[in-house]
Amino acid sequence: MQRTRLSTLVSTLFDQLERWLVNPWRRVSIVIISLLFGYFFGVAIAAYAGQAAEQDIVFSAILVILAEIISRIAYFRRQPQQKALWLEALNSFKIGALYALILEAFKLGS
């Protein structure tokens, strides 16, 4: 690949972002924000599926498949080194969404 100004700028920005995210407190804050976004997403999906009342089975099947795929990616790594930040955030998003769905189920008495 050629060394253009744009490629140099992009690589420099990614390097700076990577160095900025090395701080443990920033990693934890991103994971917590991802957990809260997952909770919000789960509540929104439950509200939408509850109003439609026609797509409950489809939504639940899609969410179970997505949760299993994310779990497969997050937990079945061959090298148990430090996880990538995007993987931790994605797993945290999944946990928040599933927690919200379980909480909504308890609220409805299902």
PDB file of N, CA and C in Angstrom:
ATOM      1  N   MET A   1       0.838  -1.173   0.000  1.00  0.00           N
ATOM      2  CA  MET A   1       0.000   0.000   0.000  1.00  0.00           C
ATOM      3  C   MET A   1       0.892   1.248   0.000  1.00  0.00           C
ATOM      4  N   GLN A   2       0.460   2.245  -0.676  1.00  0.00           N
ATOM      5  CA  GLN A   2       1.249   3.462  -0.764  1.00  0.00           C
ATOM      6  C   GLN A   2       1.113   4.293   0.507  1.00  0.00           C
ATOM      7  N   ARG A   3       2.138   5.047   0.791  1.00  0.00           N
ATOM      8  CA  ARG A   3       2.125   5.923   1.962  1.00  0.00           C
ATOM      9  C   ARG A   3       1.591   7.284   1.543  1.00  0.00           C
ATOM     10  N   THR A   4       0.294   7.423   1.551  1.00  0.00           N
ATOM     11  CA  THR A   4      -0.309   8.707   1.234  1.00  0.00           C
ATOM     12  C   THR A   4      -0.559   9.467   2.524  1.00  0.00           C
ATOM     13  N   ARG A   5      -0.952  10.701   2.382  1.00  0.00           N
ATOM     14  CA  ARG A   5      -1.257  11.495   3.585  1.00  0.00           C
ATOM     15  C   ARG A   5      -2.443  10.902   4.339  1.00  0.00           C
ATOM     16  N   LEU A   6      -3.426  10.435   3.579  1.00  0.00           N
ATOM     17  CA  LEU A   6      -4.613   9.862   4.219  1.00  0.00           C
ATOM     18  C   LEU A   6      -4.275   8.580   4.973  1.00  0.00           C
ATOM     19  N   SER A   7      -3.527   7.689   4.376  1.00  0.00           N
ATOM     20  CA  SER A   7      -3.165   6.444   5.065  1.00  0.00           C
ATOM     21  C   SER A   7      -2.298   6.727   6.290  1.00  0.00           C
ATOM     22  N   THR A   8      -1.403   7.693   6.178  1.00  0.00           N
ATOM     23  CA  THR A   8      -0.578   8.079   7.324  1.00  0.00           C
ATOM     24  C   THR A   8      -1.431   8.665   8.441  1.00  0.00           C
ATOM     25  N   LEU A   9      -2.389   9.501   8.082  1.00  0.00           N
ATOM     26  CA  LEU A   9      -3.284  10.097   9.074  1.00  0.00           C
ATOM     27  C   LEU A   9      -4.125   9.039   9.765  1.00  0.00           C
ATOM     28  N   VAL A  10      -4.668   8.120   8.998  1.00  0.00           N
ATOM     29  CA  VAL A  10      -5.512   7.066   9.574  1.00  0.00           C
ATOM     30  C   VAL A  10      -4.694   6.169  10.489  1.00  0.00           C
ATOM     31  N   SER A  11      -3.516   5.761  10.063  1.00  0.00           N
ATOM     32  CA  SER A  11      -2.690   4.903  10.913  1.00  0.00           C
ATOM     33  C   SER A  11      -2.248   5.633  12.179  1.00  0.00           C
ATOM     34  N   THR A  12      -1.951   6.909  12.075  1.00  0.00           N
ATOM     35  CA  THR A  12      -1.577   7.696  13.253  1.00  0.00           C
ATOM     36  C   THR A  12      -2.748   7.814  14.222  1.00  0.00           C
ATOM     37  N   LEU A  13      -3.934   8.057  13.693  1.00  0.00           N
ATOM     38  CA  LEU A  13      -5.115   8.166  14.553  1.00  0.00           C
ATOM     39  C   LEU A  13      -5.416   6.847  15.266  1.00  0.00           C
ATOM     40  N   PHE A  14      -5.292   5.729  14.548  1.00  0.00           N
ATOM     41  CA  PHE A  14      -5.533   4.435  15.176  1.00  0.00           C
ATOM     42  C   PHE A  14      -4.477   4.119  16.225  1.00  0.00           C
ATOM     43  N   ASP A  15      -3.249   4.491  15.983  1.00  0.00           N
ATOM     44  CA  ASP A  15      -2.195   4.290  16.977  1.00  0.00           C
ATOM     45  C   ASP A  15      -2.456   5.112  18.235  1.00  0.00           C
ATOM     46  N   GLN A  16      -2.860   6.364  18.065  1.00  0.00           N
ATOM     47  CA  GLN A  16      -3.163   7.212  19.217  1.00  0.00           C
ATOM     48  C   GLN A  16      -4.365   6.681  19.988  1.00  0.00           C
ATOM     49  N   LEU A  17      -5.389   6.203  19.270  1.00  0.00           N
ATOM     50  CA  LEU A  17      -6.567   5.635  19.927  1.00  0.00           C
ATOM     51  C   LEU A  17      -6.201   4.371  20.695  1.00  0.00           C
ATOM     52  N   GLU A  18      -5.351   3.553  20.120  1.00  0.00           N
ATOM     53  CA  GLU A  18      -4.919   2.331  20.792  1.00  0.00           C
ATOM     54  C   GLU A  18      -4.138   2.643  22.059  1.00  0.00           C
ATOM     55  N   ARG A  19      -3.253   3.643  21.990  1.00  0.00           N
ATOM     56  CA  ARG A  19      -2.507   4.051  23.185  1.00  0.00           C
ATOM     57  C   ARG A  19      -3.429   4.661  24.244  1.00  0.00           C
ATOM     58  N   TRP A  20      -4.469   5.377  23.793  1.00  0.00           N
ATOM     59  CA  TRP A  20      -5.404   6.001  24.725  1.00  0.00           C
ATOM     60  C   TRP A  20      -6.232   4.942  25.443  1.00  0.00           C
ATOM     61  N   LEU A  21      -6.556   3.840  24.756  1.00  0.00           N
ATOM     62  CA  LEU A  21      -7.398   2.801  25.344  1.00  0.00           C
ATOM     63  C   LEU A  21      -6.633   1.807  26.210  1.00  0.00           C
ATOM     64  N   VAL A  22      -5.327   1.949  26.315  1.00  0.00           N
ATOM     65  CA  VAL A  22      -4.542   1.035  27.138  1.00  0.00           C
ATOM     66  C   VAL A  22      -4.832   1.255  28.621  1.00  0.00           C
ATOM     67  N   ASN A  23      -5.224   2.442  28.983  1.00  0.00           N
ATOM     68  CA  ASN A  23      -5.535   2.772  30.373  1.00  0.00           C
ATOM     69  C   ASN A  23      -6.658   1.866  30.868  1.00  0.00           C
ATOM     70  N   PRO A  24      -6.477   1.172  32.015  1.00  0.00           N
ATOM     71  CA  PRO A  24      -7.504   0.245  32.503  1.00  0.00           C
ATOM     72  C   PRO A  24      -8.838   0.924  32.836  1.00  0.00           C
ATOM     73  N   TRP A  25      -8.797   2.148  33.329  1.00  0.00           N
ATOM     74  CA  TRP A  25     -10.052   2.823  33.673  1.00  0.00           C
ATOM     75  C   TRP A  25     -10.864   3.141  32.428  1.00  0.00           C
ATOM     76  N   ARG A  26     -10.193   3.451  31.350  1.00  0.00           N
ATOM     77  CA  ARG A  26     -10.914   3.714  30.102  1.00  0.00           C
ATOM     78  C   ARG A  26     -11.522   2.436  29.554  1.00  0.00           C
ATOM     79  N   ARG A  27     -10.808   1.327  29.675  1.00  0.00           N
ATOM     80  CA  ARG A  27     -11.353   0.039  29.242  1.00  0.00           C
ATOM     81  C   ARG A  27     -12.600  -0.303  30.045  1.00  0.00           C
ATOM     82  N   VAL A  28     -12.527  -0.132  31.345  1.00  0.00           N
ATOM     83  CA  VAL A  28     -13.676  -0.449  32.201  1.00  0.00           C
ATOM     84  C   VAL A  28     -14.851   0.455  31.880  1.00  0.00           C
ATOM     85  N   SER A  29     -14.590   1.729  31.649  1.00  0.00           N
ATOM     86  CA  SER A  29     -15.696   2.637  31.349  1.00  0.00           C
ATOM     87  C   SER A  29     -16.350   2.289  30.013  1.00  0.00           C
ATOM     88  N   ILE A  30     -15.569   1.886  29.029  1.00  0.00           N
ATOM     89  CA  ILE A  30     -16.153   1.491  27.743  1.00  0.00           C
ATOM     90  C   ILE A  30     -16.969   0.214  27.902  1.00  0.00           C
ATOM     91  N   VAL A  31     -16.498  -0.721  28.702  1.00  0.00           N
ATOM     92  CA  VAL A  31     -17.251  -1.955  28.931  1.00  0.00           C
ATOM     93  C   VAL A  31     -18.549  -1.665  29.672  1.00  0.00           C
ATOM     94  N   ILE A  32     -18.525  -0.771  30.638  1.00  0.00           N
ATOM     95  CA  ILE A  32     -19.748  -0.426  31.377  1.00  0.00           C
ATOM     96  C   ILE A  32     -20.729   0.308  30.479  1.00  0.00           C
ATOM     97  N   ILE A  33     -20.245   1.215  29.650  1.00  0.00           N
ATOM     98  CA  ILE A  33     -21.128   1.905  28.708  1.00  0.00           C
ATOM     99  C   ILE A  33     -21.749   0.907  27.737  1.00  0.00           C
ATOM    100  N   SER A  34     -20.983  -0.063  27.307  1.00  0.00           N
ATOM    101  CA  SER A  34     -21.502  -1.100  26.414  1.00  0.00           C
ATOM    102  C   SER A  34     -22.572  -1.939  27.118  1.00  0.00           C
ATOM    103  N   LEU A  35     -22.369  -2.228  28.388  1.00  0.00           N
ATOM    104  CA  LEU A  35     -23.365  -2.964  29.166  1.00  0.00           C
ATOM    105  C   LEU A  35     -24.678  -2.177  29.252  1.00  0.00           C
ATOM    106  N   LEU A  36     -24.581  -0.885  29.487  1.00  0.00           N
ATOM    107  CA  LEU A  36     -25.783  -0.054  29.579  1.00  0.00           C
ATOM    108  C   LEU A  36     -26.485   0.084  28.228  1.00  0.00           C
ATOM    109  N   PHE A  37     -25.715   0.196  27.150  1.00  0.00           N
ATOM    110  CA  PHE A  37     -26.329   0.226  25.820  1.00  0.00           C
ATOM    111  C   PHE A  37     -27.022  -1.101  25.514  1.00  0.00           C
ATOM    112  N   GLY A  38     -26.428  -2.207  25.951  1.00  0.00           N
ATOM    113  CA  GLY A  38     -27.059  -3.510  25.778  1.00  0.00           C
ATOM    114  C   GLY A  38     -28.365  -3.600  26.539  1.00  0.00           C
ATOM    115  N   TYR A  39     -28.382  -3.052  27.759  1.00  0.00           N
ATOM    116  CA  TYR A  39     -29.618  -3.044  28.540  1.00  0.00           C
ATOM    117  C   TYR A  39     -30.691  -2.213  27.833  1.00  0.00           C
ATOM    118  N   PHE A  40     -30.302  -1.046  27.337  1.00  0.00           N
ATOM    119  CA  PHE A  40     -31.243  -0.203  26.606  1.00  0.00           C
ATOM    120  C   PHE A  40     -31.770  -0.910  25.367  1.00  0.00           C
ATOM    121  N   PHE A  41     -30.880  -1.573  24.635  1.00  0.00           N
ATOM    122  CA  PHE A  41     -31.274  -2.312  23.441  1.00  0.00           C
ATOM    123  C   PHE A  41     -32.257  -3.431  23.795  1.00  0.00           C
ATOM    124  N   GLY A  42     -31.995  -4.152  24.876  1.00  0.00           N
ATOM    125  CA  GLY A  42     -32.879  -5.245  25.292  1.00  0.00           C
ATOM    126  C   GLY A  42     -34.259  -4.752  25.671  1.00  0.00           C
ATOM    127  N   VAL A  43     -34.333  -3.643  26.382  1.00  0.00           N
ATOM    128  CA  VAL A  43     -35.628  -3.073  26.753  1.00  0.00           C
ATOM    129  C   VAL A  43     -36.382  -2.599  25.513  1.00  0.00           C
ATOM    130  N   ALA A  44     -35.659  -1.972  24.586  1.00  0.00           N
ATOM    131  CA  ALA A  44     -36.298  -1.490  23.355  1.00  0.00           C
ATOM    132  C   ALA A  44     -36.823  -2.647  22.512  1.00  0.00           C
ATOM    133  N   ILE A  45     -36.049  -3.717  22.395  1.00  0.00           N
ATOM    134  CA  ILE A  45     -36.497  -4.889  21.629  1.00  0.00           C
ATOM    135  C   ILE A  45     -37.714  -5.522  22.288  1.00  0.00           C
ATOM    136  N   ALA A  46     -37.698  -5.626  23.608  1.00  0.00           N
ATOM    137  CA  ALA A  46     -38.842  -6.222  24.310  1.00  0.00           C
ATOM    138  C   ALA A  46     -40.097  -5.371  24.140  1.00  0.00           C
ATOM    139  N   ALA A  47     -39.942  -4.056  24.186  1.00  0.00           N
ATOM    140  CA  ALA A  47     -41.109  -3.180  24.018  1.00  0.00           C
ATOM    141  C   ALA A  47     -41.654  -3.267  22.603  1.00  0.00           C
ATOM    142  N   TYR A  48     -40.765  -3.299  21.614  1.00  0.00           N
ATOM    143  CA  TYR A  48     -41.214  -3.375  20.227  1.00  0.00           C
ATOM    144  C   TYR A  48     -41.872  -4.723  19.932  1.00  0.00           C
ATOM    145  N   ALA A  49     -41.263  -5.795  20.404  1.00  0.00           N
ATOM    146  CA  ALA A  49     -41.830  -7.117  20.167  1.00  0.00           C
ATOM    147  C   ALA A  49     -43.139  -7.291  20.930  1.00  0.00           C
ATOM    148  N   GLY A  50     -43.251  -6.662  22.092  1.00  0.00           N
ATOM    149  CA  GLY A  50     -44.494  -6.747  22.861  1.00  0.00           C
ATOM    150  C   GLY A  50     -45.629  -5.991  22.206  1.00  0.00           C
ATOM    151  N   GLN A  51     -45.338  -4.888  21.545  1.00  0.00           N
ATOM    152  CA  GLN A  51     -46.387  -4.135  20.870  1.00  0.00           C
ATOM    153  C   GLN A  51     -46.840  -4.829  19.599  1.00  0.00           C
ATOM    154  N   ALA A  52     -45.917  -5.380  18.865  1.00  0.00           N
ATOM    155  CA  ALA A  52     -46.274  -6.031  17.601  1.00  0.00           C
ATOM    156  C   ALA A  52     -47.044  -7.322  17.867  1.00  0.00           C
ATOM    157  N   ALA A  53     -46.622  -8.086  18.867  1.00  0.00           N
ATOM    158  CA  ALA A  53     -47.259  -9.331  19.294  1.00  0.00           C
ATOM    159  C   ALA A  53     -47.390 -10.335  18.156  1.00  0.00           C
ATOM    160  N   GLU A  54     -46.700 -10.130  17.063  1.00  0.00           N
ATOM    161  CA  GLU A  54     -46.729 -11.090  15.966  1.00  0.00           C
ATOM    162  C   GLU A  54     -45.348 -11.686  15.725  1.00  0.00           C
ATOM    163  N   GLN A  55     -44.320 -10.987  16.162  1.00  0.00           N
ATOM    164  CA  GLN A  55     -42.968 -11.394  15.830  1.00  0.00           C
ATOM    165  C   GLN A  55     -42.185 -11.860  17.054  1.00  0.00           C
ATOM    166  N   ASP A  56     -42.864 -12.302  18.091  1.00  0.00           N
ATOM    167  CA  ASP A  56     -42.184 -12.708  19.317  1.00  0.00           C
ATOM    168  C   ASP A  56     -41.241 -13.878  19.075  1.00  0.00           C
ATOM    169  N   ILE A  57     -41.699 -14.870  18.346  1.00  0.00           N
ATOM    170  CA  ILE A  57     -40.892 -16.065  18.112  1.00  0.00           C
ATOM    171  C   ILE A  57     -39.694 -15.734  17.226  1.00  0.00           C
ATOM    172  N   VAL A  58     -39.904 -14.897  16.236  1.00  0.00           N
ATOM    173  CA  VAL A  58     -38.808 -14.522  15.338  1.00  0.00           C
ATOM    174  C   VAL A  58     -37.747 -13.730  16.099  1.00  0.00           C
ATOM    175  N   PHE A  59     -38.181 -12.754  16.898  1.00  0.00           N
ATOM    176  CA  PHE A  59     -37.230 -11.953  17.676  1.00  0.00           C
ATOM    177  C   PHE A  59     -36.460 -12.819  18.661  1.00  0.00           C
ATOM    178  N   SER A  60     -37.153 -13.705  19.338  1.00  0.00           N
ATOM    179  CA  SER A  60     -36.468 -14.538  20.324  1.00  0.00           C
ATOM    180  C   SER A  60     -35.474 -15.472  19.646  1.00  0.00           C
ATOM    181  N   ALA A  61     -35.829 -16.019  18.504  1.00  0.00           N
ATOM    182  CA  ALA A  61     -34.893 -16.896  17.786  1.00  0.00           C
ATOM    183  C   ALA A  61     -33.659 -16.125  17.320  1.00  0.00           C
ATOM    184  N   ILE A  62     -33.870 -14.936  16.784  1.00  0.00           N
ATOM    185  CA  ILE A  62     -32.740 -14.116  16.324  1.00  0.00           C
ATOM    186  C   ILE A  62     -31.835 -13.734  17.487  1.00  0.00           C
ATOM    187  N   LEU A  63     -32.429 -13.344  18.614  1.00  0.00           N
ATOM    188  CA  LEU A  63     -31.620 -12.943  19.765  1.00  0.00           C
ATOM    189  C   LEU A  63     -30.850 -14.115  20.359  1.00  0.00           C
ATOM    190  N   VAL A  64     -31.453 -15.297  20.386  1.00  0.00           N
ATOM    191  CA  VAL A  64     -30.730 -16.468  20.893  1.00  0.00           C
ATOM    192  C   VAL A  64     -29.564 -16.820  19.977  1.00  0.00           C
ATOM    193  N   ILE A  65     -29.795 -16.763  18.673  1.00  0.00           N
ATOM    194  CA  ILE A  65     -28.718 -17.063  17.725  1.00  0.00           C
ATOM    195  C   ILE A  65     -27.588 -16.048  17.859  1.00  0.00           C
ATOM    196  N   LEU A  66     -27.929 -14.756  17.959  1.00  0.00           N
ATOM    197  CA  LEU A  66     -26.897 -13.728  18.121  1.00  0.00           C
ATOM    198  C   LEU A  66     -26.122 -13.898  19.427  1.00  0.00           C
ATOM    199  N   ALA A  67     -26.842 -14.219  20.509  1.00  0.00           N
ATOM    200  CA  ALA A  67     -26.173 -14.415  21.793  1.00  0.00           C
ATOM    201  C   ALA A  67     -25.222 -15.605  21.741  1.00  0.00           C
ATOM    202  N   GLU A  68     -25.631 -16.675  21.084  1.00  0.00           N
ATOM    203  CA  GLU A  68     -24.759 -17.842  20.977  1.00  0.00           C
ATOM    204  C   GLU A  68     -23.538 -17.567  20.104  1.00  0.00           C
ATOM    205  N   ILE A  69     -23.726 -16.809  19.040  1.00  0.00           N
ATOM    206  CA  ILE A  69     -22.589 -16.467  18.178  1.00  0.00           C
ATOM    207  C   ILE A  69     -21.595 -15.598  18.931  1.00  0.00           C
ATOM    208  N   ILE A  70     -22.097 -14.611  19.670  1.00  0.00           N
ATOM    209  CA  ILE A  70     -21.212 -13.739  20.447  1.00  0.00           C
ATOM    210  C   ILE A  70     -20.495 -14.534  21.527  1.00  0.00           C
ATOM    211  N   SER A  71     -21.201 -15.454  22.188  1.00  0.00           N
ATOM    212  CA  SER A  71     -20.557 -16.286  23.207  1.00  0.00           C
ATOM    213  C   SER A  71     -19.482 -17.166  22.596  1.00  0.00           C
ATOM    214  N   ARG A  72     -19.778 -17.697  21.433  1.00  0.00           N
ATOM    215  CA  ARG A  72     -18.798 -18.547  20.747  1.00  0.00           C
ATOM    216  C   ARG A  72     -17.528 -17.756  20.426  1.00  0.00           C
ATOM    217  N   ILE A  73     -17.704 -16.541  19.948  1.00  0.00           N
ATOM    218  CA  ILE A  73     -16.556 -15.707  19.606  1.00  0.00           C
ATOM    219  C   ILE A  73     -15.786 -15.298  20.866  1.00  0.00           C
ATOM    220  N   ALA A  74     -16.515 -14.951  21.926  1.00  0.00           N
ATOM    221  CA  ALA A  74     -15.868 -14.401  23.123  1.00  0.00           C
ATOM    222  C   ALA A  74     -15.192 -15.463  23.987  1.00  0.00           C
ATOM    223  N   TYR A  75     -15.778 -16.651  24.095  1.00  0.00           N
ATOM    224  CA  TYR A  75     -15.283 -17.615  25.075  1.00  0.00           C
ATOM    225  C   TYR A  75     -14.468 -18.757  24.493  1.00  0.00           C
ATOM    226  N   PHE A  76     -14.523 -18.987  23.208  1.00  0.00           N
ATOM    227  CA  PHE A  76     -13.800 -20.116  22.643  1.00  0.00           C
ATOM    228  C   PHE A  76     -12.576 -19.665  21.865  1.00  0.00           C
ATOM    229  N   ARG A  77     -11.735 -18.905  22.514  1.00  0.00           N
ATOM    230  CA  ARG A  77     -10.475 -18.469  21.911  1.00  0.00           C
ATOM    231  C   ARG A  77      -9.397 -19.451  22.322  1.00  0.00           C
ATOM    232  N   ARG A  78      -8.500 -19.734  21.414  1.00  0.00           N
ATOM    233  CA  ARG A  78      -7.452 -20.707  21.720  1.00  0.00           C
ATOM    234  C   ARG A  78      -6.358 -20.126  22.591  1.00  0.00           C
ATOM    235  N   GLN A  79      -6.087 -18.854  22.443  1.00  0.00           N
ATOM    236  CA  GLN A  79      -5.036 -18.224  23.228  1.00  0.00           C
ATOM    237  C   GLN A  79      -5.690 -17.340  24.292  1.00  0.00           C
ATOM    238  N   PRO A  80      -5.617 -17.745  25.549  1.00  0.00           N
ATOM    239  CA  PRO A  80      -6.292 -16.974  26.599  1.00  0.00           C
ATOM    240  C   PRO A  80      -5.503 -15.739  27.034  1.00  0.00           C
ATOM    241  N   GLN A  81      -5.027 -14.982  26.080  1.00  0.00           N
ATOM    242  CA  GLN A  81      -4.329 -13.748  26.405  1.00  0.00           C
ATOM    243  C   GLN A  81      -5.365 -12.682  26.714  1.00  0.00           C
ATOM    244  N   GLN A  82      -4.919 -11.469  26.851  1.00  0.00           N
ATOM    245  CA  GLN A  82      -5.835 -10.372  27.124  1.00  0.00           C
ATOM    246  C   GLN A  82      -6.792 -10.200  25.942  1.00  0.00           C
ATOM    247  N   LYS A  83      -8.080 -10.128  26.266  1.00  0.00           N
ATOM    248  CA  LYS A  83      -9.081 -10.005  25.214  1.00  0.00           C
ATOM    249  C   LYS A  83      -9.012  -8.630  24.568  1.00  0.00           C
ATOM    250  N   ALA A  84      -9.418  -8.595  23.332  1.00  0.00           N
ATOM    251  CA  ALA A  84      -9.489  -7.320  22.634  1.00  0.00           C
ATOM    252  C   ALA A  84     -10.629  -6.496  23.222  1.00  0.00           C
ATOM    253  N   LEU A  85     -10.489  -5.203  23.166  1.00  0.00           N
ATOM    254  CA  LEU A  85     -11.486  -4.316  23.753  1.00  0.00           C
ATOM    255  C   LEU A  85     -12.833  -4.461  23.060  1.00  0.00           C
ATOM    256  N   TRP A  86     -12.836  -4.583  21.736  1.00  0.00           N
ATOM    257  CA  TRP A  86     -14.102  -4.714  21.031  1.00  0.00           C
ATOM    258  C   TRP A  86     -14.803  -6.010  21.414  1.00  0.00           C
ATOM    259  N   LEU A  87     -14.039  -7.060  21.727  1.00  0.00           N
ATOM    260  CA  LEU A  87     -14.638  -8.328  22.126  1.00  0.00           C
ATOM    261  C   LEU A  87     -15.245  -8.235  23.517  1.00  0.00           C
ATOM    262  N   GLU A  88     -14.558  -7.557  24.418  1.00  0.00           N
ATOM    263  CA  GLU A  88     -15.108  -7.353  25.761  1.00  0.00           C
ATOM    264  C   GLU A  88     -16.368  -6.490  25.701  1.00  0.00           C
ATOM    265  N   ALA A  89     -16.341  -5.454  24.873  1.00  0.00           N
ATOM    266  CA  ALA A  89     -17.507  -4.574  24.754  1.00  0.00           C
ATOM    267  C   ALA A  89     -18.686  -5.308  24.132  1.00  0.00           C
ATOM    268  N   LEU A  90     -18.438  -6.135  23.136  1.00  0.00           N
ATOM    269  CA  LEU A  90     -19.509  -6.903  22.499  1.00  0.00           C
ATOM    270  C   LEU A  90     -20.116  -7.907  23.474  1.00  0.00           C
ATOM    271  N   ASN A  91     -19.278  -8.573  24.247  1.00  0.00           N
ATOM    272  CA  ASN A  91     -19.777  -9.521  25.238  1.00  0.00           C
ATOM    273  C   ASN A  91     -20.561  -8.795  26.327  1.00  0.00           C
ATOM    274  N   SER A  92     -20.109  -7.629  26.724  1.00  0.00           N
ATOM    275  CA  SER A  92     -20.818  -6.838  27.725  1.00  0.00           C
ATOM    276  C   SER A  92     -22.170  -6.373  27.189  1.00  0.00           C
ATOM    277  N   PHE A  93     -22.213  -6.000  25.917  1.00  0.00           N
ATOM    278  CA  PHE A  93     -23.476  -5.621  25.275  1.00  0.00           C
ATOM    279  C   PHE A  93     -24.456  -6.788  25.306  1.00  0.00           C
ATOM    280  N   LYS A  94     -23.964  -7.986  25.015  1.00  0.00           N
ATOM    281  CA  LYS A  94     -24.809  -9.185  25.039  1.00  0.00           C
ATOM    282  C   LYS A  94     -25.347  -9.445  26.441  1.00  0.00           C
ATOM    283  N   ILE A  95     -24.510  -9.314  27.436  1.00  0.00           N
ATOM    284  CA  ILE A  95     -24.932  -9.553  28.814  1.00  0.00           C
ATOM    285  C   ILE A  95     -26.006  -8.545  29.225  1.00  0.00           C
ATOM    286  N   GLY A  96     -25.830  -7.282  28.864  1.00  0.00           N
ATOM    287  CA  GLY A  96     -26.830  -6.265  29.188  1.00  0.00           C
ATOM    288  C   GLY A  96     -28.154  -6.526  28.502  1.00  0.00           C
ATOM    289  N   ALA A  97     -28.113  -6.938  27.236  1.00  0.00           N
ATOM    290  CA  ALA A  97     -29.348  -7.211  26.497  1.00  0.00           C
ATOM    291  C   ALA A  97     -30.081  -8.412  27.078  1.00  0.00           C
ATOM    292  N   LEU A  98     -29.360  -9.466  27.411  1.00  0.00           N
ATOM    293  CA  LEU A  98     -30.007 -10.644  27.985  1.00  0.00           C
ATOM    294  C   LEU A  98     -30.553 -10.351  29.381  1.00  0.00           C
ATOM    295  N   TYR A  99     -29.829  -9.558  30.141  1.00  0.00           N
ATOM    296  CA  TYR A  99     -30.325  -9.173  31.466  1.00  0.00           C
ATOM    297  C   TYR A  99     -31.630  -8.389  31.347  1.00  0.00           C
ATOM    298  N   ALA A 100     -31.697  -7.484  30.376  1.00  0.00           N
ATOM    299  CA  ALA A 100     -32.913  -6.698  30.183  1.00  0.00           C
ATOM    300  C   ALA A 100     -34.079  -7.584  29.771  1.00  0.00           C
ATOM    301  N   LEU A 101     -33.841  -8.545  28.910  1.00  0.00           N
ATOM    302  CA  LEU A 101     -34.912  -9.436  28.476  1.00  0.00           C
ATOM    303  C   LEU A 101     -35.408 -10.310  29.621  1.00  0.00           C
ATOM    304  N   ILE A 102     -34.500 -10.795  30.442  1.00  0.00           N
ATOM    305  CA  ILE A 102     -34.907 -11.605  31.597  1.00  0.00           C
ATOM    306  C   ILE A 102     -35.681 -10.755  32.591  1.00  0.00           C
ATOM    307  N   LEU A 103     -35.240  -9.540  32.810  1.00  0.00           N
ATOM    308  CA  LEU A 103     -35.936  -8.642  33.727  1.00  0.00           C
ATOM    309  C   LEU A 103     -37.334  -8.300  33.223  1.00  0.00           C
ATOM    310  N   GLU A 104     -37.461  -8.090  31.910  1.00  0.00           N
ATOM    311  CA  GLU A 104     -38.792  -7.822  31.321  1.00  0.00           C
ATOM    312  C   GLU A 104     -39.692  -9.037  31.465  1.00  0.00           C
ATOM    313  N   ALA A 105     -39.145 -10.221  31.336  1.00  0.00           N
ATOM    314  CA  ALA A 105     -39.939 -11.433  31.503  1.00  0.00           C
ATOM    315  C   ALA A 105     -40.448 -11.561  32.931  1.00  0.00           C
ATOM    316  N   PHE A 106     -39.606 -11.216  33.907  1.00  0.00           N
ATOM    317  CA  PHE A 106     -40.056 -11.243  35.293  1.00  0.00           C
ATOM    318  C   PHE A 106     -41.123 -10.192  35.552  1.00  0.00           C
ATOM    319  N   LYS A 107     -40.992  -9.044  34.913  1.00  0.00           N
ATOM    320  CA  LYS A 107     -41.998  -7.996  35.099  1.00  0.00           C
ATOM    321  C   LYS A 107     -43.363  -8.434  34.576  1.00  0.00           C
ATOM    322  N   LEU A 108     -43.330  -9.139  33.455  1.00  0.00           N
ATOM    323  CA  LEU A 108     -44.593  -9.568  32.850  1.00  0.00           C
ATOM    324  C   LEU A 108     -45.147 -10.835  33.495  1.00  0.00           C
ATOM    325  N   GLY A 109     -44.359 -11.505  34.305  1.00  0.00           N
ATOM    326  CA  GLY A 109     -44.829 -12.695  34.978  1.00  0.00           C
ATOM    327  C   GLY A 109     -44.838 -13.916  34.070  1.00  0.00           C
ATOM    328  N   SER A 110     -43.990 -13.911  33.069  1.00  0.00           N
ATOM    329  CA  SER A 110     -43.949 -15.040  32.129  1.00  0.00           C
ATOM    330  C   SER A 110     -43.056 -16.127  32.654  1.00  0.00           C
TER     331      SER A 110
END
